[in-house]
N, C-alpha and C. Protein backbone atom coordinates (compact mmCIF):
# COMPACT_ATOMS: atom_id res chain seq x y z
N MET A 1 1.07 30.11 -69.47
CA MET A 1 1.91 31.19 -69.00
C MET A 1 1.26 32.54 -69.36
N ALA A 2 1.32 33.49 -68.46
CA ALA A 2 0.69 34.79 -68.64
C ALA A 2 1.53 35.70 -69.52
N VAL A 3 0.83 36.52 -70.28
CA VAL A 3 1.46 37.55 -71.11
C VAL A 3 1.27 38.87 -70.38
N THR A 4 2.31 39.69 -70.34
CA THR A 4 2.21 41.02 -69.74
C THR A 4 2.01 42.03 -70.86
N VAL A 5 0.98 42.85 -70.73
CA VAL A 5 0.69 43.90 -71.71
C VAL A 5 0.79 45.24 -70.99
N ILE A 6 1.61 46.13 -71.54
CA ILE A 6 1.72 47.49 -71.02
C ILE A 6 1.16 48.40 -72.10
N TYR A 7 0.05 49.03 -71.80
CA TYR A 7 -0.65 49.87 -72.76
C TYR A 7 -1.01 51.18 -72.07
N GLY A 8 -0.38 52.26 -72.49
CA GLY A 8 -0.60 53.54 -71.81
C GLY A 8 -0.12 53.43 -70.38
N ASP A 9 -0.98 53.76 -69.44
CA ASP A 9 -0.61 53.67 -68.03
C ASP A 9 -1.11 52.38 -67.38
N ARG A 10 -1.55 51.42 -68.20
CA ARG A 10 -2.07 50.15 -67.68
C ARG A 10 -1.07 49.03 -67.91
N GLU A 11 -0.88 48.23 -66.88
CA GLU A 11 -0.07 47.01 -66.99
C GLU A 11 -0.95 45.85 -66.56
N SER A 12 -1.05 44.84 -67.43
CA SER A 12 -1.96 43.72 -67.17
C SER A 12 -1.26 42.39 -67.42
N GLU A 13 -1.57 41.43 -66.56
CA GLU A 13 -1.14 40.04 -66.75
C GLU A 13 -2.32 39.29 -67.34
N LEU A 14 -2.17 38.78 -68.56
CA LEU A 14 -3.27 38.15 -69.26
C LEU A 14 -2.97 36.69 -69.53
N VAL A 15 -3.80 35.82 -69.00
CA VAL A 15 -3.63 34.38 -69.18
C VAL A 15 -4.21 33.93 -70.51
N GLY A 16 -5.26 34.58 -70.98
CA GLY A 16 -5.93 34.14 -72.20
C GLY A 16 -5.32 34.68 -73.48
N ALA A 17 -4.29 35.51 -73.39
CA ALA A 17 -3.66 36.09 -74.58
C ALA A 17 -2.75 35.07 -75.24
N ALA A 18 -2.61 35.19 -76.57
CA ALA A 18 -1.77 34.27 -77.32
C ALA A 18 -0.90 35.05 -78.30
N ALA A 19 0.41 34.90 -78.17
CA ALA A 19 1.35 35.51 -79.10
C ALA A 19 1.60 34.54 -80.25
N GLU A 20 1.49 35.06 -81.46
CA GLU A 20 1.77 34.27 -82.65
C GLU A 20 2.61 35.12 -83.58
N GLY A 21 3.92 34.90 -83.55
CA GLY A 21 4.82 35.73 -84.35
C GLY A 21 4.78 37.16 -83.86
N ASP A 22 4.44 38.07 -84.79
CA ASP A 22 4.35 39.50 -84.46
C ASP A 22 2.95 39.92 -84.04
N ASP A 23 2.07 38.97 -83.81
CA ASP A 23 0.69 39.28 -83.47
C ASP A 23 0.38 38.85 -82.04
N LEU A 24 -0.43 39.67 -81.37
CA LEU A 24 -0.89 39.37 -80.02
C LEU A 24 -2.41 39.34 -80.04
N TRP A 25 -2.98 38.15 -79.82
CA TRP A 25 -4.43 37.95 -79.83
C TRP A 25 -4.95 37.95 -78.40
N LEU A 26 -5.97 38.79 -78.16
CA LEU A 26 -6.56 38.91 -76.82
C LEU A 26 -8.04 38.56 -76.86
N PRO A 27 -8.53 37.85 -75.84
CA PRO A 27 -9.99 37.73 -75.71
C PRO A 27 -10.58 39.12 -75.53
N LEU A 28 -11.79 39.33 -76.01
CA LEU A 28 -12.39 40.66 -75.97
C LEU A 28 -12.47 41.25 -74.57
N ASP A 29 -12.75 40.43 -73.56
CA ASP A 29 -12.79 40.94 -72.18
C ASP A 29 -11.42 41.44 -71.74
N ASP A 30 -10.37 40.72 -72.11
CA ASP A 30 -9.01 41.16 -71.77
C ASP A 30 -8.63 42.42 -72.52
N LEU A 31 -9.09 42.55 -73.76
CA LEU A 31 -8.81 43.75 -74.56
C LEU A 31 -9.35 44.98 -73.85
N ARG A 32 -10.58 44.92 -73.42
CA ARG A 32 -11.22 46.06 -72.74
C ARG A 32 -10.52 46.37 -71.42
N ARG A 33 -10.27 45.33 -70.64
CA ARG A 33 -9.68 45.53 -69.31
C ARG A 33 -8.25 46.03 -69.39
N SER A 34 -7.47 45.55 -70.35
CA SER A 34 -6.04 45.89 -70.38
C SER A 34 -5.71 47.14 -71.19
N THR A 35 -6.60 47.55 -72.11
CA THR A 35 -6.29 48.70 -72.96
C THR A 35 -7.35 49.78 -72.97
N GLY A 36 -8.59 49.42 -72.63
CA GLY A 36 -9.70 50.36 -72.75
C GLY A 36 -10.42 50.26 -74.09
N TRP A 37 -9.80 49.62 -75.08
CA TRP A 37 -10.42 49.43 -76.39
C TRP A 37 -11.49 48.35 -76.29
N GLU A 38 -12.52 48.49 -77.11
CA GLU A 38 -13.54 47.46 -77.23
C GLU A 38 -14.01 47.39 -78.67
N VAL A 39 -14.53 46.23 -79.05
CA VAL A 39 -15.02 46.04 -80.41
C VAL A 39 -16.52 46.32 -80.43
N ARG A 40 -16.91 47.23 -81.31
CA ARG A 40 -18.32 47.59 -81.52
C ARG A 40 -18.62 47.41 -83.01
N PRO A 41 -19.87 47.50 -83.40
CA PRO A 41 -20.19 47.37 -84.83
C PRO A 41 -19.45 48.38 -85.71
N GLU A 42 -19.13 49.57 -85.17
CA GLU A 42 -18.43 50.58 -85.97
C GLU A 42 -16.92 50.36 -86.02
N GLY A 43 -16.38 49.41 -85.27
CA GLY A 43 -14.95 49.10 -85.29
C GLY A 43 -14.38 48.97 -83.90
N ALA A 44 -13.08 49.23 -83.77
CA ALA A 44 -12.41 49.22 -82.48
C ALA A 44 -12.57 50.61 -81.87
N CYS A 45 -13.09 50.67 -80.65
CA CYS A 45 -13.43 51.96 -80.05
C CYS A 45 -12.76 52.13 -78.69
N LEU A 46 -12.27 53.33 -78.47
CA LEU A 46 -11.71 53.74 -77.19
C LEU A 46 -12.48 54.98 -76.77
N ASP A 47 -13.33 54.84 -75.79
CA ASP A 47 -14.26 55.90 -75.38
C ASP A 47 -15.11 56.29 -76.58
N ASP A 48 -15.05 57.55 -77.03
CA ASP A 48 -15.88 58.02 -78.14
C ASP A 48 -15.18 57.93 -79.49
N VAL A 49 -13.94 57.50 -79.51
CA VAL A 49 -13.18 57.41 -80.76
C VAL A 49 -13.25 55.98 -81.28
N CYS A 50 -13.71 55.83 -82.53
CA CYS A 50 -13.79 54.51 -83.14
C CYS A 50 -12.94 54.46 -84.40
N VAL A 51 -12.24 53.36 -84.56
CA VAL A 51 -11.41 53.13 -85.74
C VAL A 51 -12.05 51.98 -86.51
N PRO A 52 -12.54 52.24 -87.72
CA PRO A 52 -13.16 51.15 -88.49
C PRO A 52 -12.13 50.08 -88.84
N ILE A 53 -12.56 48.84 -88.79
CA ILE A 53 -11.70 47.73 -89.24
C ILE A 53 -11.77 47.73 -90.76
N PRO A 54 -10.62 47.81 -91.43
CA PRO A 54 -10.62 47.92 -92.89
C PRO A 54 -11.38 46.77 -93.56
N THR A 55 -12.20 47.11 -94.52
CA THR A 55 -12.98 46.13 -95.26
C THR A 55 -12.04 45.16 -95.97
N GLY A 56 -12.36 43.88 -95.85
CA GLY A 56 -11.56 42.83 -96.47
C GLY A 56 -10.39 42.38 -95.62
N ARG A 57 -10.15 43.06 -94.51
CA ARG A 57 -9.02 42.71 -93.63
C ARG A 57 -9.51 42.29 -92.24
N GLU A 58 -10.78 41.95 -92.12
CA GLU A 58 -11.36 41.58 -90.83
C GLU A 58 -10.61 40.43 -90.16
N GLY A 59 -10.11 39.48 -90.96
CA GLY A 59 -9.38 38.34 -90.42
C GLY A 59 -8.08 38.70 -89.75
N GLU A 60 -7.51 39.86 -90.09
CA GLU A 60 -6.29 40.33 -89.42
C GLU A 60 -6.59 40.81 -88.00
N PHE A 61 -7.84 41.21 -87.77
CA PHE A 61 -8.22 41.84 -86.50
C PHE A 61 -9.04 40.94 -85.60
N LEU A 62 -9.90 40.12 -86.18
CA LEU A 62 -10.81 39.27 -85.40
C LEU A 62 -10.71 37.82 -85.85
N ARG A 63 -10.86 36.92 -84.88
CA ARG A 63 -10.89 35.50 -85.20
C ARG A 63 -11.71 34.77 -84.15
N ASP A 64 -11.86 33.48 -84.34
CA ASP A 64 -12.64 32.64 -83.42
C ASP A 64 -14.04 33.19 -83.23
N GLY A 65 -14.68 33.50 -84.36
CA GLY A 65 -16.05 34.02 -84.30
C GLY A 65 -16.15 35.40 -83.69
N GLY A 66 -15.08 36.16 -83.74
CA GLY A 66 -15.09 37.52 -83.18
C GLY A 66 -14.81 37.57 -81.70
N SER A 67 -14.34 36.45 -81.12
CA SER A 67 -14.10 36.44 -79.67
C SER A 67 -12.67 36.85 -79.30
N HIS A 68 -11.76 36.94 -80.30
CA HIS A 68 -10.37 37.33 -80.06
C HIS A 68 -9.99 38.46 -81.01
N PHE A 69 -9.21 39.41 -80.48
CA PHE A 69 -8.82 40.60 -81.23
C PHE A 69 -7.30 40.69 -81.28
N ASN A 70 -6.77 41.06 -82.45
CA ASN A 70 -5.34 41.21 -82.65
C ASN A 70 -4.94 42.65 -82.32
N LEU A 71 -4.41 42.85 -81.13
CA LEU A 71 -4.04 44.18 -80.67
C LEU A 71 -2.91 44.77 -81.49
N THR A 72 -1.99 43.94 -81.96
CA THR A 72 -0.87 44.45 -82.76
C THR A 72 -1.34 44.91 -84.14
N ALA A 73 -2.38 44.31 -84.69
CA ALA A 73 -2.92 44.78 -85.97
C ALA A 73 -3.49 46.19 -85.80
N LEU A 74 -4.17 46.43 -84.69
CA LEU A 74 -4.68 47.78 -84.41
C LEU A 74 -3.52 48.75 -84.23
N ALA A 75 -2.48 48.34 -83.53
CA ALA A 75 -1.32 49.21 -83.32
C ALA A 75 -0.68 49.57 -84.66
N ARG A 76 -0.55 48.60 -85.56
CA ARG A 76 0.01 48.89 -86.88
C ARG A 76 -0.87 49.88 -87.64
N LEU A 77 -2.17 49.71 -87.56
CA LEU A 77 -3.11 50.60 -88.23
C LEU A 77 -2.99 52.03 -87.70
N LEU A 78 -2.79 52.17 -86.39
CA LEU A 78 -2.70 53.49 -85.75
C LEU A 78 -1.30 54.08 -85.77
N GLY A 79 -0.32 53.32 -86.21
CA GLY A 79 1.06 53.81 -86.19
C GLY A 79 1.67 53.80 -84.80
N GLN A 80 1.22 52.87 -83.96
CA GLN A 80 1.78 52.75 -82.62
C GLN A 80 3.00 51.85 -82.66
N PRO A 81 4.10 52.27 -82.04
CA PRO A 81 5.23 51.35 -81.93
C PRO A 81 4.91 50.23 -80.94
N VAL A 82 5.40 49.03 -81.24
CA VAL A 82 5.17 47.87 -80.38
C VAL A 82 6.52 47.22 -80.10
N LEU A 83 6.79 46.98 -78.84
CA LEU A 83 7.98 46.24 -78.43
C LEU A 83 7.55 44.94 -77.80
N HIS A 84 8.24 43.85 -78.17
CA HIS A 84 7.91 42.55 -77.60
C HIS A 84 9.18 41.94 -77.05
N ASP A 85 9.20 41.71 -75.75
CA ASP A 85 10.30 40.99 -75.09
C ASP A 85 9.88 39.53 -75.05
N GLU A 86 10.33 38.78 -76.05
CA GLU A 86 9.88 37.40 -76.19
C GLU A 86 10.24 36.50 -75.02
N PRO A 87 11.48 36.56 -74.48
CA PRO A 87 11.81 35.67 -73.37
C PRO A 87 10.92 35.84 -72.14
N HIS A 88 10.45 37.07 -71.90
CA HIS A 88 9.62 37.34 -70.73
C HIS A 88 8.15 37.50 -71.10
N ASP A 89 7.83 37.43 -72.38
CA ASP A 89 6.47 37.57 -72.90
C ASP A 89 5.82 38.87 -72.43
N VAL A 90 6.53 39.98 -72.65
CA VAL A 90 6.03 41.32 -72.31
C VAL A 90 5.83 42.08 -73.62
N TRP A 91 4.68 42.72 -73.75
CA TRP A 91 4.34 43.54 -74.90
C TRP A 91 4.12 44.97 -74.43
N LEU A 92 4.81 45.93 -75.06
CA LEU A 92 4.68 47.34 -74.73
C LEU A 92 4.17 48.08 -75.96
N PHE A 93 3.10 48.83 -75.79
CA PHE A 93 2.50 49.58 -76.88
C PHE A 93 2.72 51.06 -76.63
N GLY A 94 3.38 51.74 -77.58
CA GLY A 94 3.68 53.16 -77.45
C GLY A 94 2.53 54.03 -77.92
N GLN A 95 2.75 55.31 -77.90
CA GLN A 95 1.75 56.29 -78.28
C GLN A 95 1.61 56.33 -79.80
N ALA A 96 0.39 56.49 -80.28
CA ALA A 96 0.12 56.52 -81.72
C ALA A 96 0.83 57.69 -82.40
N ALA A 97 1.14 57.50 -83.67
CA ALA A 97 1.88 58.50 -84.44
C ALA A 97 1.20 59.87 -84.43
N ALA A 98 -0.11 59.90 -84.59
CA ALA A 98 -0.82 61.19 -84.62
C ALA A 98 -0.66 61.93 -83.29
N ALA A 99 -0.73 61.22 -82.20
CA ALA A 99 -0.57 61.86 -80.88
C ALA A 99 0.86 62.35 -80.69
N ARG A 100 1.83 61.54 -81.13
CA ARG A 100 3.23 61.98 -81.03
C ARG A 100 3.47 63.22 -81.88
N ARG A 101 2.94 63.23 -83.08
CA ARG A 101 3.11 64.36 -83.99
C ARG A 101 2.50 65.62 -83.37
N GLY A 102 1.32 65.49 -82.81
CA GLY A 102 0.67 66.65 -82.17
C GLY A 102 1.48 67.20 -81.02
N ARG A 103 2.04 66.30 -80.24
CA ARG A 103 2.86 66.73 -79.10
C ARG A 103 4.14 67.43 -79.56
N LEU A 104 4.75 66.90 -80.63
CA LEU A 104 5.96 67.53 -81.16
C LEU A 104 5.66 68.91 -81.73
N LEU A 105 4.55 69.04 -82.45
CA LEU A 105 4.18 70.32 -83.05
C LEU A 105 3.86 71.37 -81.99
N SER A 106 3.39 70.95 -80.81
CA SER A 106 3.05 71.90 -79.76
C SER A 106 4.29 72.54 -79.14
N LEU A 107 5.44 71.89 -79.31
CA LEU A 107 6.70 72.35 -78.71
C LEU A 107 6.64 72.43 -77.19
N GLU A 108 5.70 71.71 -76.59
CA GLU A 108 5.55 71.68 -75.14
C GLU A 108 6.16 70.39 -74.61
N ALA A 109 7.09 70.53 -73.69
CA ALA A 109 7.74 69.35 -73.11
C ALA A 109 6.76 68.58 -72.23
N PRO A 110 6.86 67.27 -72.22
CA PRO A 110 5.99 66.49 -71.33
C PRO A 110 6.37 66.76 -69.87
N ASP A 111 5.38 66.66 -69.01
CA ASP A 111 5.63 66.91 -67.59
C ASP A 111 6.41 65.77 -66.96
N PHE A 112 7.24 66.10 -66.01
CA PHE A 112 7.96 65.11 -65.20
C PHE A 112 8.26 65.73 -63.84
N THR A 113 8.55 64.88 -62.88
CA THR A 113 8.86 65.33 -61.53
C THR A 113 10.16 64.69 -61.08
N LEU A 114 11.08 65.52 -60.56
CA LEU A 114 12.37 65.05 -60.05
C LEU A 114 12.67 65.77 -58.74
N PRO A 115 13.44 65.14 -57.86
CA PRO A 115 13.79 65.82 -56.60
C PRO A 115 14.94 66.80 -56.81
N ASP A 116 14.94 67.88 -56.01
CA ASP A 116 16.08 68.80 -56.03
C ASP A 116 17.16 68.26 -55.08
N LEU A 117 18.20 69.04 -54.85
CA LEU A 117 19.32 68.56 -54.02
C LEU A 117 18.91 68.30 -52.57
N GLU A 118 17.83 68.92 -52.11
CA GLU A 118 17.33 68.68 -50.76
C GLU A 118 16.28 67.57 -50.72
N GLY A 119 15.97 66.98 -51.86
CA GLY A 119 15.01 65.89 -51.91
C GLY A 119 13.57 66.32 -52.13
N ARG A 120 13.31 67.63 -52.30
CA ARG A 120 11.95 68.12 -52.54
C ARG A 120 11.58 67.90 -54.00
N PRO A 121 10.39 67.35 -54.26
CA PRO A 121 9.99 67.12 -55.65
C PRO A 121 9.68 68.42 -56.39
N ASN A 122 10.11 68.52 -57.61
CA ASN A 122 9.82 69.65 -58.48
C ASN A 122 9.29 69.11 -59.80
N SER A 123 8.19 69.68 -60.26
CA SER A 123 7.60 69.26 -61.53
C SER A 123 7.79 70.35 -62.56
N LEU A 124 8.00 69.93 -63.79
CA LEU A 124 8.14 70.91 -64.87
C LEU A 124 6.88 71.76 -64.99
N SER A 125 5.72 71.16 -64.76
CA SER A 125 4.46 71.89 -64.88
C SER A 125 4.36 73.04 -63.87
N ASP A 126 5.12 72.98 -62.78
CA ASP A 126 5.13 74.07 -61.81
C ASP A 126 5.70 75.36 -62.41
N TYR A 127 6.43 75.24 -63.52
CA TYR A 127 7.11 76.38 -64.13
C TYR A 127 6.51 76.76 -65.48
N ARG A 128 5.31 76.26 -65.81
CA ARG A 128 4.67 76.61 -67.08
C ARG A 128 4.51 78.12 -67.17
N GLY A 129 4.83 78.65 -68.34
CA GLY A 129 4.73 80.09 -68.55
C GLY A 129 6.00 80.84 -68.18
N LYS A 130 6.98 80.13 -67.62
CA LYS A 130 8.25 80.76 -67.24
C LYS A 130 9.35 80.14 -68.09
N LYS A 131 10.43 80.88 -68.26
CA LYS A 131 11.57 80.34 -68.99
C LYS A 131 12.29 79.34 -68.09
N VAL A 132 12.60 78.18 -68.67
CA VAL A 132 13.27 77.12 -67.91
C VAL A 132 14.46 76.64 -68.72
N PHE A 133 15.58 76.47 -68.08
CA PHE A 133 16.78 75.93 -68.71
C PHE A 133 17.02 74.55 -68.12
N LEU A 134 16.93 73.52 -68.95
CA LEU A 134 17.12 72.15 -68.50
C LEU A 134 18.47 71.64 -68.94
N VAL A 135 19.17 71.00 -68.02
CA VAL A 135 20.46 70.38 -68.33
C VAL A 135 20.35 68.92 -67.96
N SER A 136 20.75 68.06 -68.88
CA SER A 136 20.75 66.63 -68.57
C SER A 136 22.13 66.07 -68.88
N TRP A 137 22.43 64.97 -68.24
CA TRP A 137 23.73 64.36 -68.41
C TRP A 137 23.56 62.87 -68.24
N ALA A 138 24.31 62.11 -68.99
CA ALA A 138 24.30 60.66 -68.86
C ALA A 138 25.72 60.16 -69.02
N SER A 139 26.03 59.09 -68.35
CA SER A 139 27.40 58.57 -68.38
C SER A 139 27.66 57.65 -69.55
N TRP A 140 26.64 57.24 -70.27
CA TRP A 140 26.90 56.32 -71.37
C TRP A 140 27.23 57.10 -72.58
């Protein structure tokens, strides 16, 4: 049965992934394709950013001769929230703590697009540099 991994803006169906408790083990090819991360001698790398695998904890991150990687161990190391819908075997990885902290400190709202009453799309980024008053409402 396939595991669904949602990582950033990527959604992947992975047949070779294996969930074991709170850990999700991915073959290295699936890791790269589904998340952009890859294992290099310097650690787990995403583009030019590399996170060293902690000394003495290699077994938490790699197994089967280095052919499988524990994505949830990396998420824990980075402070990424992880949600697992066990009945549907879906794993969702949120934004790392450092990135969330930076976004909060900037006091800049994330961009979004919604239609107006006539159905025309409006994006928050269209109003950057202007004062904007946002009102939201929910029935729950």
